[in-house]
């Protein structure tokens, strides 16, 4: 097993533990801990293990972080519209 797969597995365990926390702690941990680390882990998975393994883990990560990613995307689009004047 490569280091990237082990890191991804540890990330999944940590995400599961964070999911058990109260909502006030949960979303902060997801935004400030899980999302920044996944930005590093996903490309690492693709480089070391190929497209199939990288895509499988990327889909799993998006499944775990679906609501924080939804709100992050929603807020980013809203701020982009304000900046662009639409």
Protein backbone atom coordinates (compact mmCIF):
# COMPACT_ATOMS: atom_id res chain seq x y z
CA UNK A 1 0.00 0.00 0.00
CA UNK A 2 1.33 3.42 -0.90
CA UNK A 3 1.63 6.35 1.44
CA UNK A 4 -1.14 8.21 -0.34
CA UNK A 5 -3.64 5.36 0.19
CA UNK A 6 -2.70 5.15 3.87
CA UNK A 7 -3.12 8.92 4.21
CA UNK A 8 -6.51 8.73 2.51
CA UNK A 9 -7.60 5.93 4.84
CA UNK A 10 -6.49 7.94 7.89
CA UNK A 11 -8.35 10.96 6.48
CA UNK A 12 -11.54 8.88 6.19
CA UNK A 13 -11.23 7.70 9.81
CA UNK A 14 -10.65 11.28 11.03
CA UNK A 15 -13.60 12.53 8.95
CA UNK A 16 -15.82 9.86 10.48
CA UNK A 17 -14.77 10.90 13.99
CA UNK A 18 -15.36 14.57 13.17
CA UNK A 19 -18.81 13.67 11.83
CA UNK A 20 -19.76 12.47 15.31
CA UNK A 21 -18.99 15.86 16.87
CA UNK A 22 -21.64 18.54 17.51
CA UNK A 23 -22.55 20.75 14.54
CA UNK A 24 -20.70 23.85 15.83
CA UNK A 25 -17.43 21.94 15.91
CA UNK A 26 -18.20 19.69 12.96
CA UNK A 27 -18.45 22.32 10.22
CA UNK A 28 -15.39 24.24 11.41
CA UNK A 29 -13.31 21.08 11.44
CA UNK A 30 -14.58 20.15 7.99
CA UNK A 31 -13.79 23.55 6.49
CA UNK A 32 -10.49 24.25 8.22
CA UNK A 33 -9.04 20.74 8.61
CA UNK A 34 -10.56 18.25 6.19
CA UNK A 35 -10.91 20.31 3.01
CA UNK A 36 -7.36 21.76 3.03
CA UNK A 37 -5.82 18.33 3.63
CA UNK A 38 -7.88 16.72 0.89
CA UNK A 39 -6.58 19.30 -1.58
CA UNK A 40 -3.17 17.72 -1.03
CA UNK A 41 -4.23 14.06 -0.77
CA UNK A 42 -6.35 13.79 -3.96
CA UNK A 43 -3.59 14.86 -6.41
CA UNK A 44 -1.13 12.66 -4.50
CA UNK A 45 -3.50 9.70 -4.99
CA UNK A 46 -3.80 10.41 -8.71
CA UNK A 47 -0.03 10.68 -9.15
CA UNK A 48 0.90 7.56 -7.17
CA UNK A 49 -2.00 5.22 -7.94
CA UNK A 50 -3.58 6.33 -11.19
CA UNK A 51 -6.93 7.60 -12.34
CA UNK A 52 -9.13 4.74 -11.11
CA UNK A 53 -7.96 4.84 -7.48
CA UNK A 54 -7.84 8.65 -7.44
CA UNK A 55 -11.36 8.95 -8.82
CA UNK A 56 -12.72 6.34 -6.40
CA UNK A 57 -11.31 8.21 -3.41
CA UNK A 58 -12.38 11.61 -4.81
CA UNK A 59 -15.98 10.37 -5.08
CA UNK A 60 -15.77 9.04 -1.52
CA UNK A 61 -14.37 12.33 -0.23
CA UNK A 62 -17.14 14.30 -1.92
CA UNK A 63 -19.68 11.94 -0.41
CA UNK A 64 -18.32 12.55 3.08
CA UNK A 65 -18.04 16.33 2.66
CA UNK A 66 -21.15 16.92 0.56
CA UNK A 67 -22.73 19.64 2.77
CA UNK A 68 -19.57 21.63 3.57
CA UNK A 69 -18.66 21.52 -0.14
CA UNK A 70 -22.19 22.58 -1.08
CA UNK A 71 -22.10 25.63 1.19
CA UNK A 72 -18.54 26.50 0.21
CA UNK A 73 -19.50 26.42 -3.47
CA UNK A 74 -22.71 28.38 -2.82
CA UNK A 75 -20.85 31.13 -0.92
CA UNK A 76 -18.07 31.28 -3.53
CA UNK A 77 -20.57 31.72 -6.37
CA UNK A 78 -22.47 34.37 -4.38
CA UNK A 79 -19.26 36.33 -3.70
CA UNK A 80 -18.16 36.00 -7.34
CA UNK A 81 -21.50 37.48 -8.47
CA UNK A 82 -21.01 40.43 -6.11
CA UNK A 83 -17.48 41.03 -7.39
CA UNK A 84 -18.52 40.73 -11.04
CA UNK A 85 -21.58 42.92 -10.48
CA UNK A 86 -24.22 40.44 -11.60
